[in-house]
PDB file of N, CA and C in Angstrom:
ATOM      1  N   UNK A   1      67.770 156.419  75.782  1.00  0.00           N
ATOM      2  CA  UNK A   1      68.002 155.481  76.782  1.00  0.00           C
ATOM      3  C   UNK A   1      68.312 156.195  78.091  1.00  0.00           C
ATOM      4  N   UNK A   2      67.915 155.645  79.116  1.00  0.00           N
ATOM      5  CA  UNK A   2      68.119 156.060  80.647  1.00  0.00           C
ATOM      6  C   UNK A   2      69.664 156.071  80.904  1.00  0.00           C
ATOM      7  N   UNK A   3      70.128 157.066  81.467  1.00  0.00           N
ATOM      8  CA  UNK A   3      71.549 156.902  82.128  1.00  0.00           C
ATOM      9  C   UNK A   3      71.559 157.028  83.580  1.00  0.00           C
ATOM     10  N   UNK A   4      72.501 156.615  84.122  1.00  0.00           N
ATOM     11  CA  UNK A   4      72.563 156.567  85.807  1.00  0.00           C
ATOM     12  C   UNK A   4      73.837 157.154  86.169  1.00  0.00           C
ATOM     13  N   UNK A   5      73.726 157.883  87.316  1.00  0.00           N
ATOM     14  CA  UNK A   5      74.951 158.518  87.903  1.00  0.00           C
ATOM     15  C   UNK A   5      75.455 157.611  89.232  1.00  0.00           C
ATOM     16  N   UNK A   6      74.415 157.068  89.786  1.00  0.00           N
ATOM     17  CA  UNK A   6      74.770 156.117  91.099  1.00  0.00           C
ATOM     18  C   UNK A   6      73.571 155.035  91.201  1.00  0.00           C
ATOM     19  N   UNK A   7      73.876 154.307  92.124  1.00  0.00           N
ATOM     20  CA  UNK A   7      72.994 153.226  92.349  1.00  0.00           C
ATOM     21  C   UNK A   7      71.507 153.422  92.589  1.00  0.00           C
ATOM     22  N   UNK A   8      71.369 154.503  93.272  1.00  0.00           N
ATOM     23  CA  UNK A   8      70.044 155.058  93.569  1.00  0.00           C
ATOM     24  C   UNK A   8      69.291 155.537  92.445  1.00  0.00           C
ATOM     25  N   UNK A   9      69.983 156.055  91.400  1.00  0.00           N
ATOM     26  CA  UNK A   9      69.369 156.416  90.225  1.00  0.00           C
ATOM     27  C   UNK A   9      68.665 155.206  89.344  1.00  0.00           C
ATOM     28  N   UNK A  10      69.230 154.090  89.660  1.00  0.00           N
ATOM     29  CA  UNK A  10      68.888 152.786  88.970  1.00  0.00           C
ATOM     30  C   UNK A  10      67.480 152.508  89.884  1.00  0.00           C
ATOM     31  N   UNK A  11      67.669 152.553  91.089  1.00  0.00           N
ATOM     32  CA  UNK A  11      66.530 152.123  91.965  1.00  0.00           C
ATOM     33  C   UNK A  11      65.237 153.159  91.853  1.00  0.00           C
ATOM     34  N   UNK A  12      65.599 154.303  91.700  1.00  0.00           N
ATOM     35  CA  UNK A  12      64.380 155.210  91.435  1.00  0.00           C
ATOM     36  C   UNK A  12      63.821 155.197  90.243  1.00  0.00           C
ATOM     37  N   UNK A  13      64.477 154.759  89.087  1.00  0.00           N
ATOM     38  CA  UNK A  13      64.136 154.514  87.774  1.00  0.00           C
ATOM     39  C   UNK A  13      63.171 153.175  87.834  1.00  0.00           C
ATOM     40  N   UNK A  14      63.703 152.137  88.459  1.00  0.00           N
ATOM     41  CA  UNK A  14      62.887 151.038  88.452  1.00  0.00           C
ATOM     42  C   UNK A  14      61.693 151.027  89.159  1.00  0.00           C
ATOM     43  N   UNK A  15      61.696 151.564  90.317  1.00  0.00           N
ATOM     44  CA  UNK A  15      60.815 151.427  91.394  1.00  0.00           C
ATOM     45  C   UNK A  15      59.137 151.718  90.984  1.00  0.00           C
ATOM     46  N   UNK A  16      58.887 152.742  90.120  1.00  0.00           N
ATOM     47  CA  UNK A  16      57.514 152.850  89.804  1.00  0.00           C
ATOM     48  C   UNK A  16      57.106 152.152  88.497  1.00  0.00           C
ATOM     49  N   UNK A  17      57.969 151.384  87.916  1.00  0.00           N
ATOM     50  CA  UNK A  17      57.650 150.573  86.680  1.00  0.00           C
ATOM     51  C   UNK A  17      56.647 149.544  87.044  1.00  0.00           C
ATOM     52  N   UNK A  18      55.588 149.377  86.329  1.00  0.00           N
ATOM     53  CA  UNK A  18      54.614 148.178  86.486  1.00  0.00           C
ATOM     54  C   UNK A  18      54.979 147.219  85.329  1.00  0.00           C
ATOM     55  N   UNK A  19      54.401 146.131  85.369  1.00  0.00           N
ATOM     56  CA  UNK A  19      54.780 145.018  84.580  1.00  0.00           C
ATOM     57  C   UNK A  19      55.127 145.225  83.019  1.00  0.00           C
ATOM     58  N   UNK A  20      54.197 145.857  82.310  1.00  0.00           N
ATOM     59  CA  UNK A  20      54.381 146.355  80.965  1.00  0.00           C
ATOM     60  C   UNK A  20      55.409 147.376  80.845  1.00  0.00           C
ATOM     61  N   UNK A  21      55.389 148.237  81.651  1.00  0.00           N
ATOM     62  CA  UNK A  21      56.248 149.478  81.542  1.00  0.00           C
ATOM     63  C   UNK A  21      57.678 148.725  81.800  1.00  0.00           C
ATOM     64  N   UNK A  22      58.074 147.922  82.669  1.00  0.00           N
ATOM     65  CA  UNK A  22      59.266 147.299  83.048  1.00  0.00           C
ATOM     66  C   UNK A  22      59.770 146.818  81.763  1.00  0.00           C
ATOM     67  N   UNK A  23      59.067 146.043  81.060  1.00  0.00           N
ATOM     68  CA  UNK A  23      59.564 145.128  79.952  1.00  0.00           C
ATOM     69  C   UNK A  23      60.084 146.121  78.813  1.00  0.00           C
ATOM     70  N   UNK A  24      59.183 147.217  78.638  1.00  0.00           N
ATOM     71  CA  UNK A  24      59.525 148.267  77.639  1.00  0.00           C
ATOM     72  C   UNK A  24      60.809 148.977  78.053  1.00  0.00           C
ATOM     73  N   UNK A  25      61.021 149.548  79.314  1.00  0.00           N
ATOM     74  CA  UNK A  25      61.969 150.231  79.646  1.00  0.00           C
ATOM     75  C   UNK A  25      63.342 149.447  79.730  1.00  0.00           C
ATOM     76  N   UNK A  26      63.469 148.089  80.113  1.00  0.00           N
ATOM     77  CA  UNK A  26      64.594 147.544  80.178  1.00  0.00           C
ATOM     78  C   UNK A  26      65.073 146.949  78.793  1.00  0.00           C
ATOM     79  N   UNK A  27      64.257 146.665  77.737  1.00  0.00           N
ATOM     80  CA  UNK A  27      64.507 146.140  76.397  1.00  0.00           C
ATOM     81  C   UNK A  27      65.784 146.901  75.824  1.00  0.00           C
ATOM     82  N   UNK A  28      66.084 148.082  75.812  1.00  0.00           N
ATOM     83  CA  UNK A  28      67.146 148.913  75.196  1.00  0.00           C
ATOM     84  C   UNK A  28      68.414 148.320  75.830  1.00  0.00           C
ATOM     85  N   UNK A  29      68.487 147.965  76.907  1.00  0.00           N
ATOM     86  CA  UNK A  29      69.768 147.496  77.539  1.00  0.00           C
ATOM     87  C   UNK A  29      70.154 146.136  77.259  1.00  0.00           C
ATOM     88  N   UNK A  30      69.484 145.341  76.695  1.00  0.00           N
ATOM     89  CA  UNK A  30      70.025 143.949  76.460  1.00  0.00           C
ATOM     90  C   UNK A  30      70.278 143.098  77.582  1.00  0.00           C
ATOM     91  N   UNK A  31      69.720 143.419  78.707  1.00  0.00           N
ATOM     92  CA  UNK A  31      69.959 142.448  79.885  1.00  0.00           C
ATOM     93  C   UNK A  31      69.469 140.951  79.566  1.00  0.00           C
ATOM     94  N   UNK A  32      70.076 140.036  79.960  1.00  0.00           N
ATOM     95  CA  UNK A  32      69.866 138.667  79.988  1.00  0.00           C
ATOM     96  C   UNK A  32      68.726 138.409  81.118  1.00  0.00           C
ATOM     97  N   UNK A  33      67.357 138.317  80.573  1.00  0.00           N
ATOM     98  CA  UNK A  33      66.268 137.945  81.572  1.00  0.00           C
ATOM     99  C   UNK A  33      65.612 136.788  81.117  1.00  0.00           C
ATOM    100  N   UNK A  34      64.850 136.196  81.906  1.00  0.00           N
ATOM    101  CA  UNK A  34      63.855 135.142  81.580  1.00  0.00           C
ATOM    102  C   UNK A  34      62.952 135.769  80.360  1.00  0.00           C
ATOM    103  N   UNK A  35      62.571 135.079  79.438  1.00  0.00           N
ATOM    104  CA  UNK A  35      61.683 135.428  78.284  1.00  0.00           C
ATOM    105  C   UNK A  35      60.229 135.909  79.091  1.00  0.00           C
ATOM    106  N   UNK A  36      59.774 137.101  78.633  1.00  0.00           N
ATOM    107  CA  UNK A  36      58.638 137.474  79.254  1.00  0.00           C
ATOM    108  C   UNK A  36      57.405 136.459  78.924  1.00  0.00           C
ATOM    109  N   UNK A  37      57.338 135.815  77.940  1.00  0.00           N
ATOM    110  CA  UNK A  37      56.266 134.855  77.648  1.00  0.00           C
ATOM    111  C   UNK A  37      56.417 133.699  78.665  1.00  0.00           C
ATOM    112  N   UNK A  38      57.429 133.408  79.201  1.00  0.00           N
ATOM    113  CA  UNK A  38      57.762 132.377  80.133  1.00  0.00           C
ATOM    114  C   UNK A  38      57.088 132.923  81.516  1.00  0.00           C
ATOM    115  N   UNK A  39      57.696 134.162  81.922  1.00  0.00           N
ATOM    116  CA  UNK A  39      57.095 134.806  82.972  1.00  0.00           C
ATOM    117  C   UNK A  39      55.411 134.941  83.054  1.00  0.00           C
ATOM    118  N   UNK A  40      54.935 135.384  81.792  1.00  0.00           N
ATOM    119  CA  UNK A  40      53.496 135.566  81.734  1.00  0.00           C
ATOM    120  C   UNK A  40      52.928 134.036  82.076  1.00  0.00           C
ATOM    121  N   UNK A  41      53.432 133.045  81.468  1.00  0.00           N
ATOM    122  CA  UNK A  41      52.896 131.842  81.639  1.00  0.00           C
ATOM    123  C   UNK A  41      52.862 131.350  83.102  1.00  0.00           C
ATOM    124  N   UNK A  42      54.126 131.626  83.796  1.00  0.00           N
ATOM    125  CA  UNK A  42      54.079 131.179  85.313  1.00  0.00           C
ATOM    126  C   UNK A  42      53.067 131.917  86.023  1.00  0.00           C
ATOM    127  N   UNK A  43      52.920 133.196  85.721  1.00  0.00           N
ATOM    128  CA  UNK A  43      51.964 134.152  86.398  1.00  0.00           C
ATOM    129  C   UNK A  43      50.461 133.458  86.216  1.00  0.00           C
ATOM    130  N   UNK A  44      50.272 133.236  84.941  1.00  0.00           N
ATOM    131  CA  UNK A  44      48.950 132.655  84.569  1.00  0.00           C
ATOM    132  C   UNK A  44      48.748 131.279  85.065  1.00  0.00           C
ATOM    133  N   UNK A  45      49.741 130.382  85.347  1.00  0.00           N
ATOM    134  CA  UNK A  45      49.554 129.046  85.997  1.00  0.00           C
ATOM    135  C   UNK A  45      49.441 129.295  87.446  1.00  0.00           C
ATOM    136  N   UNK A  46      49.731 130.407  87.990  1.00  0.00           N
ATOM    137  CA  UNK A  46      49.813 130.530  89.411  1.00  0.00           C
ATOM    138  C   UNK A  46      51.066 130.007  90.171  1.00  0.00           C
ATOM    139  N   UNK A  47      52.012 129.813  89.430  1.00  0.00           N
ATOM    140  CA  UNK A  47      53.343 129.353  89.978  1.00  0.00           C
ATOM    141  C   UNK A  47      53.798 130.665  90.699  1.00  0.00           C
ATOM    142  N   UNK A  48      53.632 131.793  90.310  1.00  0.00           N
ATOM    143  CA  UNK A  48      54.348 132.997  90.928  1.00  0.00           C
ATOM    144  C   UNK A  48      53.263 134.063  90.749  1.00  0.00           C
ATOM    145  N   UNK A  49      53.299 135.079  91.659  1.00  0.00           N
ATOM    146  CA  UNK A  49      52.444 136.209  91.351  1.00  0.00           C
ATOM    147  C   UNK A  49      53.237 137.475  90.761  1.00  0.00           C
ATOM    148  N   UNK A  50      52.407 138.213  90.071  1.00  0.00           N
ATOM    149  CA  UNK A  50      53.205 139.361  89.172  1.00  0.00           C
ATOM    150  C   UNK A  50      53.960 140.032  90.108  1.00  0.00           C
ATOM    151  N   UNK A  51      53.639 140.514  91.346  1.00  0.00           N
ATOM    152  CA  UNK A  51      54.422 141.377  92.116  1.00  0.00           C
ATOM    153  C   UNK A  51      55.683 140.954  92.500  1.00  0.00           C
ATOM    154  N   UNK A  52      55.705 139.572  92.801  1.00  0.00           N
ATOM    155  CA  UNK A  52      57.006 138.749  93.223  1.00  0.00           C
ATOM    156  C   UNK A  52      57.855 138.647  92.002  1.00  0.00           C
ATOM    157  N   UNK A  53      57.382 138.168  90.840  1.00  0.00           N
ATOM    158  CA  UNK A  53      58.236 137.988  89.695  1.00  0.00           C
ATOM    159  C   UNK A  53      58.806 139.483  89.260  1.00  0.00           C
ATOM    160  N   UNK A  54      58.028 140.483  89.307  1.00  0.00           N
ATOM    161  CA  UNK A  54      58.441 141.865  89.054  1.00  0.00           C
ATOM    162  C   UNK A  54      59.585 142.256  89.979  1.00  0.00           C
ATOM    163  N   UNK A  55      59.517 141.909  91.221  1.00  0.00           N
ATOM    164  CA  UNK A  55      60.311 142.276  92.149  1.00  0.00           C
ATOM    165  C   UNK A  55      61.648 141.561  91.960  1.00  0.00           C
ATOM    166  N   UNK A  56      61.756 140.328  91.568  1.00  0.00           N
ATOM    167  CA  UNK A  56      63.037 139.629  91.213  1.00  0.00           C
ATOM    168  C   UNK A  56      63.569 140.107  89.976  1.00  0.00           C
ATOM    169  N   UNK A  57      62.879 140.470  88.780  1.00  0.00           N
ATOM    170  CA  UNK A  57      63.149 140.762  87.692  1.00  0.00           C
ATOM    171  C   UNK A  57      64.085 142.259  87.930  1.00  0.00           C
ATOM    172  N   UNK A  58      63.334 143.043  88.771  1.00  0.00           N
ATOM    173  CA  UNK A  58      63.957 144.420  89.058  1.00  0.00           C
ATOM    174  C   UNK A  58      65.329 144.207  89.610  1.00  0.00           C
ATOM    175  N   UNK A  59      65.383 143.237  90.466  1.00  0.00           N
ATOM    176  CA  UNK A  59      66.578 142.945  91.448  1.00  0.00           C
ATOM    177  C   UNK A  59      67.698 142.389  90.292  1.00  0.00           C
ATOM    178  N   UNK A  60      67.231 141.553  89.377  1.00  0.00           N
ATOM    179  CA  UNK A  60      68.248 141.109  88.371  1.00  0.00           C
ATOM    180  C   UNK A  60      68.710 142.430  87.534  1.00  0.00           C
ATOM    181  N   UNK A  61      67.930 143.192  87.154  1.00  0.00           N
ATOM    182  CA  UNK A  61      68.286 144.461  86.334  1.00  0.00           C
ATOM    183  C   UNK A  61      69.178 145.458  87.134  1.00  0.00           C
ATOM    184  N   UNK A  62      68.760 145.622  88.257  1.00  0.00           N
ATOM    185  CA  UNK A  62      69.560 146.509  89.225  1.00  0.00           C
ATOM    186  C   UNK A  62      70.849 146.059  89.354  1.00  0.00           C
ATOM    187  N   UNK A  63      71.023 144.745  89.750  1.00  0.00           N
ATOM    188  CA  UNK A  63      72.574 144.113  89.830  1.00  0.00           C
ATOM    189  C   UNK A  63      73.190 144.326  88.615  1.00  0.00           C
ATOM    190  N   UNK A  64      72.674 144.100  87.345  1.00  0.00           N
ATOM    191  CA  UNK A  64      73.271 144.145  85.911  1.00  0.00           C
ATOM    192  C   UNK A  64      73.792 145.497  85.757  1.00  0.00           C
ATOM    193  N   UNK A  65      72.995 146.535  85.843  1.00  0.00           N
ATOM    194  CA  UNK A  65      73.117 147.672  85.683  1.00  0.00           C
ATOM    195  C   UNK A  65      74.167 148.339  86.570  1.00  0.00           C
ATOM    196  N   UNK A  66      74.064 148.081  87.759  1.00  0.00           N
ATOM    197  CA  UNK A  66      75.306 148.462  88.694  1.00  0.00           C
ATOM    198  C   UNK A  66      76.598 147.938  88.508  1.00  0.00           C
ATOM    199  N   UNK A  67      76.661 146.658  88.138  1.00  0.00           N
ATOM    200  CA  UNK A  67      77.906 146.081  87.656  1.00  0.00           C
ATOM    201  C   UNK A  67      78.363 146.630  86.324  1.00  0.00           C
ATOM    202  N   UNK A  68      77.422 146.724  85.356  1.00  0.00           N
ATOM    203  CA  UNK A  68      77.804 147.148  84.060  1.00  0.00           C
ATOM    204  C   UNK A  68      78.495 148.520  83.956  1.00  0.00           C
ATOM    205  N   UNK A  69      77.771 149.400  84.582  1.00  0.00           N
ATOM    206  CA  UNK A  69      78.388 150.937  84.689  1.00  0.00           C
ATOM    207  C   UNK A  69      79.151 151.195  85.842  1.00  0.00           C
ATOM    208  N   UNK A  70      79.646 150.131  86.755  1.00  0.00           N
ATOM    209  CA  UNK A  70      80.196 150.503  87.942  1.00  0.00           C
ATOM    210  C   UNK A  70      79.717 151.499  88.772  1.00  0.00           C
ATOM    211  N   UNK A  71      78.389 151.489  88.863  1.00  0.00           N
ATOM    212  CA  UNK A  71      77.804 152.533  89.873  1.00  0.00           C
ATOM    213  C   UNK A  71      77.995 152.396  91.449  1.00  0.00           C
ATOM    214  N   UNK A  72      78.342 153.703  91.946  1.00  0.00           N
ATOM    215  CA  UNK A  72      78.768 153.568  93.321  1.00  0.00           C
ATOM    216  C   UNK A  72      77.426 154.180  94.060  1.00  0.00           C
ATOM    217  N   UNK A  73      77.441 154.022  95.298  1.00  0.00           N
ATOM    218  CA  UNK A  73      76.289 154.660  96.239  1.00  0.00           C
ATOM    219  C   UNK A  73      76.336 156.168  96.019  1.00  0.00           C
ATOM    220  N   UNK A  74      75.031 156.671  96.104  1.00  0.00           N
ATOM    221  CA  UNK A  74      75.131 158.085  95.936  1.00  0.00           C
ATOM    222  C   UNK A  74      75.853 158.872  97.133  1.00  0.00           C
ATOM    223  N   UNK A  75      76.598 159.861  96.706  1.00  0.00           N
ATOM    224  CA  UNK A  75      77.576 160.542  97.581  1.00  0.00           C
ATOM    225  C   UNK A  75      76.515 161.475  98.294  1.00  0.00           C
ATOM    226  N   UNK A  76      76.246 161.276  99.548  1.00  0.00           N
ATOM    227  CA  UNK A  76      75.512 162.119 100.486  1.00  0.00           C
ATOM    228  C   UNK A  76      76.477 162.708 101.378  1.00  0.00           C
ATOM    229  N   UNK A  77      76.304 164.041 101.506  1.00  0.00           N
ATOM    230  CA  UNK A  77      77.263 164.959 102.267  1.00  0.00           C
ATOM    231  C   UNK A  77      76.402 165.214 103.634  1.00  0.00           C
ATOM    232  N   UNK A  78      76.645 164.562 104.746  1.00  0.00           N
ATOM    233  CA  UNK A  78      75.909 164.829 105.876  1.00  0.00           C
ATOM    234  C   UNK A  78      76.037 166.157 106.485  1.00  0.00           C
ATOM    235  N   UNK A  79      77.074 166.973 106.048  1.00  0.00           N
ATOM    236  CA  UNK A  79      77.046 168.335 106.672  1.00  0.00           C
ATOM    237  C   UNK A  79      76.008 169.166 105.978  1.00  0.00           C
ATOM    238  N   UNK A  80      75.430 168.820 104.836  1.00  0.00           N
ATOM    239  CA  UNK A  80      74.384 169.667 104.251  1.00  0.00           C
ATOM    240  C   UNK A  80      73.133 169.682 105.151  1.00  0.00           C
ATOM    241  N   UNK A  81      73.130 168.484 105.782  1.00  0.00           N
ATOM    242  CA  UNK A  81      71.770 168.447 106.698  1.00  0.00           C
ATOM    243  C   UNK A  81      71.774 169.115 107.924  1.00  0.00           C
ATOM    244  N   UNK A  82      72.945 169.745 108.323  1.00  0.00           N
ATOM    245  CA  UNK A  82      73.194 170.450 109.397  1.00  0.00           C
ATOM    246  C   UNK A  82      72.649 171.979 109.358  1.00  0.00           C
ATOM    247  N   UNK A  83      72.514 172.483 108.171  1.00  0.00           N
ATOM    248  CA  UNK A  83      71.999 173.682 107.965  1.00  0.00           C
ATOM    249  C   UNK A  83      70.643 173.976 107.827  1.00  0.00           C
TER     250      UNK A  83
END
Protein backbone atom coordinates (compact mmCIF):
# COMPACT_ATOMS: atom_id res chain seq x y z
CA UNK A 1 0.00 0.00 0.00
CA UNK A 2 1.14 3.53 -0.74
CA UNK A 3 2.64 5.57 2.10
CA UNK A 4 2.80 9.34 2.41
CA UNK A 5 5.15 11.72 4.16
CA UNK A 6 3.30 14.96 3.41
CA UNK A 7 0.20 16.40 1.70
CA UNK A 8 1.98 16.82 -1.59
CA UNK A 9 2.75 13.09 -1.68
CA UNK A 10 -1.00 12.44 -1.70
CA UNK A 11 -1.56 15.00 -4.48
CA UNK A 12 1.27 13.57 -6.58
CA UNK A 13 -0.05 10.04 -6.12
CA UNK A 14 -3.63 10.92 -7.06
CA UNK A 15 -2.93 13.31 -9.93
CA UNK A 16 -2.10 10.84 -12.74
CA UNK A 17 -4.79 8.28 -11.82
CA UNK A 18 -7.52 7.74 -14.38
CA UNK A 19 -10.98 6.38 -13.60
CA UNK A 20 -10.17 2.66 -13.37
CA UNK A 21 -6.74 3.17 -11.79
CA UNK A 22 -8.27 5.47 -9.16
CA UNK A 23 -10.70 2.84 -7.92
CA UNK A 24 -7.98 0.16 -7.77
CA UNK A 25 -5.49 2.45 -6.01
CA UNK A 26 -7.81 3.74 -3.28
CA UNK A 27 -9.53 0.41 -2.47
CA UNK A 28 -6.91 -0.73 0.10
CA UNK A 29 -7.46 2.42 2.19
CA UNK A 30 -11.11 1.64 2.96
CA UNK A 31 -12.22 5.23 2.43
CA UNK A 32 -15.96 5.82 2.49
CA UNK A 33 -16.81 6.88 -1.07
CA UNK A 34 -19.92 6.66 -3.21
CA UNK A 35 -20.28 3.22 -4.81
CA UNK A 36 -18.48 2.97 -8.12
CA UNK A 37 -21.58 1.48 -9.76
CA UNK A 38 -23.56 4.57 -8.75
CA UNK A 39 -20.86 6.87 -10.13
CA UNK A 40 -20.74 4.88 -13.37
CA UNK A 41 -24.52 5.12 -13.66
CA UNK A 42 -24.47 8.90 -13.12
CA UNK A 43 -21.81 9.27 -15.81
CA UNK A 44 -23.73 7.02 -18.22
CA UNK A 45 -26.92 9.02 -17.59
CA UNK A 46 -25.11 12.26 -18.33
CA UNK A 47 -25.70 13.65 -14.83
CA UNK A 48 -21.97 14.30 -14.46
CA UNK A 49 -18.94 13.87 -16.66
CA UNK A 50 -16.16 11.47 -15.69
CA UNK A 51 -13.52 14.19 -15.25
CA UNK A 52 -15.70 16.12 -12.79
CA UNK A 53 -16.65 13.00 -10.84
CA UNK A 54 -13.01 11.96 -10.66
CA UNK A 55 -11.91 15.39 -9.47
CA UNK A 56 -14.48 15.31 -6.64
CA UNK A 57 -13.58 11.75 -5.64
CA UNK A 58 -9.86 12.57 -5.62
CA UNK A 59 -10.62 15.57 -3.40
CA UNK A 60 -12.52 13.35 -0.98
CA UNK A 61 -9.64 10.87 -0.83
CA UNK A 62 -7.07 13.64 -0.40
CA UNK A 63 -8.96 15.15 2.52
CA UNK A 64 -9.45 11.77 4.20
CA UNK A 65 -5.81 10.70 3.88
CA UNK A 66 -4.43 14.05 5.03
CA UNK A 67 -6.67 13.93 8.08
CA UNK A 68 -6.18 10.22 8.77
CA UNK A 69 -2.38 10.43 8.72
CA UNK A 70 -2.03 13.97 10.06
CA UNK A 71 -0.08 15.01 6.99
CA UNK A 72 1.48 18.44 6.95
CA UNK A 73 2.56 20.48 3.93
CA UNK A 74 5.91 19.55 2.45
CA UNK A 75 8.79 21.24 4.24
CA UNK A 76 10.32 23.53 1.66
CA UNK A 77 13.58 25.14 2.63
CA UNK A 78 13.74 28.39 0.64
CA UNK A 79 17.43 28.90 1.29
CA UNK A 80 18.18 25.88 -0.95
CA UNK A 81 16.88 27.86 -3.90
CA UNK A 82 19.50 30.53 -3.31
CA UNK A 83 22.39 28.25 -4.27
